[in-house]
Protein backbone atom coordinates (compact mmCIF):
# COMPACT_ATOMS: atom_id res chain seq x y z
CA MET A 1 -69.80 -36.30 7.02
CA ARG A 2 -66.99 -34.14 8.03
CA ARG A 3 -68.25 -33.54 11.67
CA GLU A 4 -68.45 -36.82 11.66
CA TYR A 5 -64.75 -37.21 10.59
CA LEU A 6 -63.93 -34.89 12.68
CA GLU A 7 -64.86 -36.18 15.46
CA SER A 8 -62.99 -38.96 15.10
CA MET A 9 -60.20 -37.33 15.29
CA THR A 10 -57.89 -36.99 18.45
CA ALA A 11 -57.80 -33.09 19.47
CA ASP A 12 -55.30 -32.96 21.95
CA GLY A 13 -52.28 -30.34 20.02
CA PHE A 14 -49.84 -31.10 17.90
CA GLY A 15 -46.67 -32.17 19.33
CA GLU A 16 -46.02 -35.71 16.78
CA PHE A 17 -47.06 -32.80 14.04
CA LEU A 18 -44.06 -30.42 15.54
CA THR A 19 -41.77 -34.36 15.91
CA ALA A 20 -42.64 -35.18 11.90
CA CYS A 21 -41.75 -31.52 11.11
CA GLU A 22 -38.51 -32.17 13.14
CA ASN A 23 -37.64 -35.23 11.61
CA LEU A 24 -38.05 -33.81 8.54
CA ARG A 25 -35.76 -31.52 8.84
CA ASN A 26 -32.76 -33.43 9.89
CA SER A 27 -33.07 -36.57 7.42
CA LYS A 28 -30.97 -37.32 4.88
CA TYR A 29 -31.83 -37.71 0.91
CA ILE A 30 -32.58 -41.36 0.97
CA LEU A 31 -35.31 -41.52 3.97
CA ALA A 32 -37.19 -37.69 3.34
CA GLU A 33 -39.94 -39.54 1.33
CA ASN A 34 -41.49 -41.19 4.48
CA LYS A 35 -40.99 -39.02 6.55
CA ILE A 36 -42.96 -35.96 4.52
CA ALA A 37 -45.79 -39.63 4.82
CA ALA A 38 -45.54 -39.53 8.46
CA LEU A 39 -45.91 -36.35 8.76
CA LEU A 40 -49.00 -36.13 6.13
CA LYS A 41 -50.09 -38.86 7.63
CA SER A 42 -49.93 -36.37 11.21
CA ILE A 43 -52.10 -33.35 9.76
CA ALA A 44 -54.77 -36.24 8.67
CA ASP A 45 -54.80 -37.32 12.43
CA ASN A 46 -55.34 -34.49 14.26
CA ARG A 47 -58.86 -32.50 14.64
CA GLN A 48 -56.93 -29.48 15.00
CA LEU A 49 -54.38 -29.69 12.13
CA TYR A 50 -57.28 -31.04 9.54
CA SER A 51 -59.11 -27.79 10.24
CA MET A 52 -55.91 -25.51 10.28
CA PHE A 53 -54.87 -26.49 6.77
CA GLY A 54 -58.99 -27.05 5.75
CA ALA A 55 -58.74 -23.14 6.64
CA ALA A 56 -54.64 -22.08 5.13
CA LEU A 57 -56.03 -23.62 1.50
CA TYR A 58 -59.93 -22.62 1.04
CA GLY A 59 -59.57 -20.37 -2.19
CA PHE A 60 -55.60 -20.68 -2.49
CA ASP A 61 -54.40 -20.99 -5.60
CA TYR A 62 -51.60 -23.57 -6.47
CA LYS A 63 -50.75 -22.71 -9.31
CA THR A 64 -50.10 -18.97 -9.45
CA THR A 65 -48.13 -18.97 -6.35
CA PHE A 66 -45.88 -21.47 -6.93
CA SER A 67 -45.34 -19.67 -9.80
CA GLU A 68 -45.09 -16.50 -8.03
CA CYS A 69 -41.71 -18.25 -5.84
CA VAL A 70 -39.99 -19.19 -8.38
CA GLU A 71 -37.69 -17.53 -9.76
CA GLY A 72 -35.05 -18.60 -12.51
CA ASN A 73 -33.31 -21.95 -10.06
CA MET A 74 -34.14 -19.84 -6.74
CA PHE A 75 -37.26 -20.55 -4.96
CA ALA A 76 -38.70 -18.91 -1.86
CA LEU A 77 -41.87 -18.98 -0.14
CA PRO A 78 -44.29 -16.19 0.35
CA THR A 79 -44.30 -13.83 3.04
CA ASP A 80 -48.02 -14.31 3.73
CA PRO A 81 -47.76 -17.08 6.28
CA LYS A 82 -51.30 -18.65 5.93
CA THR A 83 -50.35 -18.87 1.71
CA ALA A 84 -47.09 -19.69 2.63
CA ILE A 85 -48.65 -22.66 4.63
CA ALA A 86 -51.00 -24.21 1.94
CA LEU A 87 -47.55 -23.72 -0.80
CA VAL A 88 -46.23 -26.25 1.43
CA PHE A 89 -48.29 -28.46 2.38
CA ARG A 90 -49.18 -28.79 -1.38
CA ILE A 91 -45.94 -29.31 -2.44
CA LEU A 92 -45.41 -31.85 0.27
CA MET A 93 -48.75 -33.38 -1.01
CA ASP A 94 -47.50 -34.01 -4.90
CA ILE A 95 -44.40 -35.04 -3.56
CA ASP A 96 -45.58 -37.79 -1.65
CA SER A 97 -48.34 -38.48 -5.14
CA GLY A 98 -45.57 -39.16 -7.08
CA LYS A 99 -46.27 -35.90 -8.86
CA MET A 100 -43.21 -34.08 -8.70
CA PRO A 101 -40.40 -36.23 -7.57
CA LEU A 102 -38.38 -35.38 -4.90
CA ARG A 103 -35.40 -35.19 -6.71
CA ASN A 104 -36.70 -33.26 -9.47
CA PHE A 105 -37.98 -30.29 -7.08
CA LEU A 106 -34.61 -29.71 -5.64
CA GLU A 107 -32.52 -30.07 -8.19
CA ALA A 108 -34.51 -27.41 -10.02
CA TYR A 109 -35.08 -25.18 -6.79
CA PHE A 110 -32.13 -26.34 -4.61
CA TYR A 111 -29.56 -27.33 -6.44
CA ASN A 112 -25.85 -28.67 -4.68
CA GLU A 113 -23.85 -31.07 -6.01
CA SER A 114 -24.56 -33.09 -2.75
CA ILE A 115 -29.30 -34.19 -2.95
CA ASN A 116 -28.24 -34.07 0.80
CA GLU A 117 -27.50 -30.61 0.97
CA SER A 118 -29.69 -29.22 -1.37
CA TYR A 119 -31.96 -30.82 0.22
CA ALA A 120 -30.66 -29.31 3.88
CA HIS A 121 -31.27 -26.05 2.14
CA PHE A 122 -35.37 -27.53 1.54
CA GLY A 123 -35.37 -28.08 5.80
CA LEU A 124 -33.66 -24.90 6.58
CA GLU A 125 -35.81 -22.56 3.76
CA VAL A 126 -39.47 -24.54 3.06
CA ILE A 127 -40.06 -27.16 5.90
CA SER A 128 -38.22 -24.70 9.27
CA PRO A 129 -40.64 -21.26 8.64
CA PHE A 130 -43.18 -24.26 7.02
CA GLU A 131 -43.01 -25.02 10.58
CA SER A 132 -43.11 -21.82 12.40
CA TYR A 133 -46.13 -20.36 10.09
CA CYS A 134 -47.75 -23.74 11.99
CA ARG A 135 -47.13 -22.82 15.28
CA MET A 136 -47.69 -18.98 14.55
CA PHE A 137 -51.35 -20.05 13.26
CA ILE A 138 -52.34 -22.68 15.95
CA SER A 139 -50.93 -20.35 18.83
CA GLN A 140 -52.86 -17.24 17.34
CA SER A 141 -56.30 -19.97 16.87
CA GLU A 142 -56.15 -20.68 20.81
CA LYS A 143 -55.16 -16.88 21.44
CA GLU A 144 -58.97 -15.92 19.78
CA GLY A 145 -60.46 -18.99 22.36
CA GLY A 146 -62.17 -20.43 18.96
CA ASP A 147 -62.15 -23.69 18.03
CA ILE A 148 -61.03 -23.96 14.91
CA SER A 149 -62.78 -26.81 13.36
CA VAL A 150 -65.72 -25.15 13.77
CA ARG A 151 -64.49 -22.61 11.85
CA TYR A 152 -63.20 -23.93 8.80
CA ASP A 153 -67.25 -25.46 8.98
CA ASP A 154 -68.61 -21.65 8.35
CA MET A 155 -66.01 -21.62 6.26
CA ASN A 156 -66.64 -24.31 4.26
CA GLU A 157 -70.32 -23.68 4.48
CA LYS A 158 -70.25 -19.81 3.09
CA ARG A 159 -67.49 -21.99 0.25
CA LYS A 160 -70.90 -24.12 -0.15
CA ASN A 161 -72.75 -21.28 -0.36
CA ASP A 162 -71.42 -19.63 -3.12
CA LEU A 163 -70.87 -22.37 -5.47
CA LYS A 164 -75.05 -22.91 -5.01
CA ASP A 165 -75.81 -19.01 -6.09
CA ASP A 166 -72.74 -19.48 -9.06
CA ALA A 167 -74.40 -22.71 -10.35
CA LEU A 168 -77.97 -21.66 -9.97
CA ALA A 169 -76.53 -18.33 -12.05
CA CYS A 170 -75.31 -20.64 -14.62
CA VAL A 171 -78.14 -22.71 -15.35
CA ALA A 172 -80.06 -19.53 -15.71
CA ALA A 173 -77.38 -18.40 -18.18
CA LEU A 174 -77.99 -21.40 -19.97
CA ILE A 175 -81.74 -21.05 -20.07
CA GLU A 176 -81.29 -17.53 -21.60
CA HIS A 177 -78.75 -18.73 -24.66
CA ALA A 178 -82.14 -21.44 -25.38
CA ASP A 179 -84.72 -19.41 -25.54
CA THR A 180 -82.61 -17.74 -28.59
CA ALA A 181 -80.91 -20.45 -29.39
CA ILE A 182 -83.69 -23.70 -29.81
CA THR A 183 -86.34 -22.63 -32.17
CA GLY A 184 -88.53 -25.34 -31.58
CA MET A 185 -91.66 -25.03 -28.59
CA ILE A 186 -91.71 -28.44 -27.76
CA ASP A 187 -87.03 -28.65 -27.63
CA ARG A 188 -86.53 -25.66 -25.57
CA ALA A 189 -89.57 -26.95 -23.30
CA GLU A 190 -87.77 -30.09 -22.47
CA TYR A 191 -84.14 -28.25 -22.75
CA ASN A 192 -85.61 -25.85 -19.66
CA ALA A 193 -87.51 -28.73 -17.90
CA CYS A 194 -84.30 -30.63 -17.74
CA LEU A 195 -82.63 -27.44 -16.39
CA ASN A 196 -85.35 -26.78 -14.08
CA GLY A 197 -85.00 -30.13 -12.60
CA LEU A 198 -81.48 -29.51 -11.81
CA VAL A 199 -81.96 -25.95 -10.16
CA ARG A 200 -84.56 -27.66 -7.91
CA ASN A 201 -82.22 -30.11 -6.87
CA ILE A 202 -79.08 -27.35 -6.04
CA LYS A 203 -82.09 -26.09 -3.72
CA ALA A 204 -82.85 -28.92 -1.81
CA GLU A 205 -79.65 -29.63 -1.51
CA ASN A 206 -79.92 -33.49 -2.89
CA GLY A 207 -76.55 -34.98 -3.37
CA ASP A 208 -77.96 -37.72 -6.19
CA GLY A 209 -80.29 -35.51 -7.25
CA THR A 210 -77.85 -32.56 -8.81
CA ILE A 211 -76.12 -35.69 -10.20
CA SER A 212 -79.26 -36.89 -11.43
CA SER A 213 -80.35 -33.77 -13.50
CA PHE A 214 -76.63 -32.59 -13.93
CA ILE A 215 -75.97 -35.48 -16.73
CA GLY A 216 -79.12 -34.92 -18.65
CA VAL A 217 -78.21 -31.08 -18.83
CA LYS A 218 -74.36 -32.79 -20.11
CA TYR A 219 -76.44 -34.30 -22.28
CA ALA A 220 -78.86 -31.50 -23.60
CA VAL A 221 -76.25 -29.14 -23.84
CA ALA A 222 -74.34 -31.11 -25.99
CA TYR A 223 -77.18 -32.19 -28.46
CA PHE A 224 -78.25 -28.46 -28.98
CA PHE A 225 -75.51 -26.35 -28.20
CA LYS A 226 -72.40 -28.77 -29.72
CA SER A 227 -69.81 -26.38 -29.92
CA ASP A 228 -71.51 -22.93 -29.26
CA PRO A 229 -67.73 -21.37 -27.17
CA ASP A 230 -69.86 -18.94 -24.82
CA VAL A 231 -72.36 -22.29 -23.46
CA ASN A 232 -69.64 -24.46 -23.14
CA TYR A 233 -67.60 -21.37 -20.84
CA ILE A 234 -70.93 -21.10 -18.54
CA PHE A 235 -71.12 -25.62 -18.67
CA LYS A 236 -67.49 -25.71 -17.46
CA LYS A 237 -68.54 -23.26 -15.05
CA LEU A 238 -71.63 -25.64 -13.77
CA GLU A 239 -69.37 -28.37 -14.15
CA TYR A 240 -67.28 -27.04 -11.54
CA ASP A 241 -69.97 -25.99 -9.32
CA ILE A 242 -72.05 -29.37 -8.77
CA LYS A 243 -68.75 -31.38 -8.46
CA HIS A 244 -67.60 -29.77 -5.01
CA ILE A 245 -70.90 -28.50 -4.12
CA PHE A 246 -71.20 -31.85 -2.61
CA GLU A 247 -67.93 -33.19 -1.99
């Protein structure tokens, strides 16, 4: 599915993206949200850019990184280019979705009596280095002679395998808890059968079967363990893994 989507995109450089960055930097505040939407569209429509941002976001901790960039009412990008790319992309996504209004962001970290001055500082200190880092990232990938869309697919496959391994470890831990906590032989056998069905579907990479089995496990865990904190922690990890394995 991801491969078909990538192949439907353009793959001829990223001039439109650079133009969108320039337009965003040079914009007035009142037009900025439209410019942000245009920049994000240029990423979504371009195979190289889509893959580049996917690679940058792999394993990225947005909340922690954002907090580390804030000191009082000051905001400074991380010095690592890949981290900065991922952070700015997520900030722009939050602004575009309305989750973090642009005015609020500017007033919190780039305050000036003139909102256009605040926005100008944002363009200089956030968008300009973001654009430079993106240029560097693409240039480096081209020099190495690799197709970054293929590289992203490889990274995505590794992440999927890591999630599968963690999900199977979580199921094993839930079965181990049942061996000591569920005293009835029939109850324990039914519970374990439910979890073993989930294991089979995960290993077979059966997305629909995995979701169906997981729903059964969810109810079984709730019935037998209710508010057990250890089991709830394991289940939450399992829930995260299942949600992202087949995305």
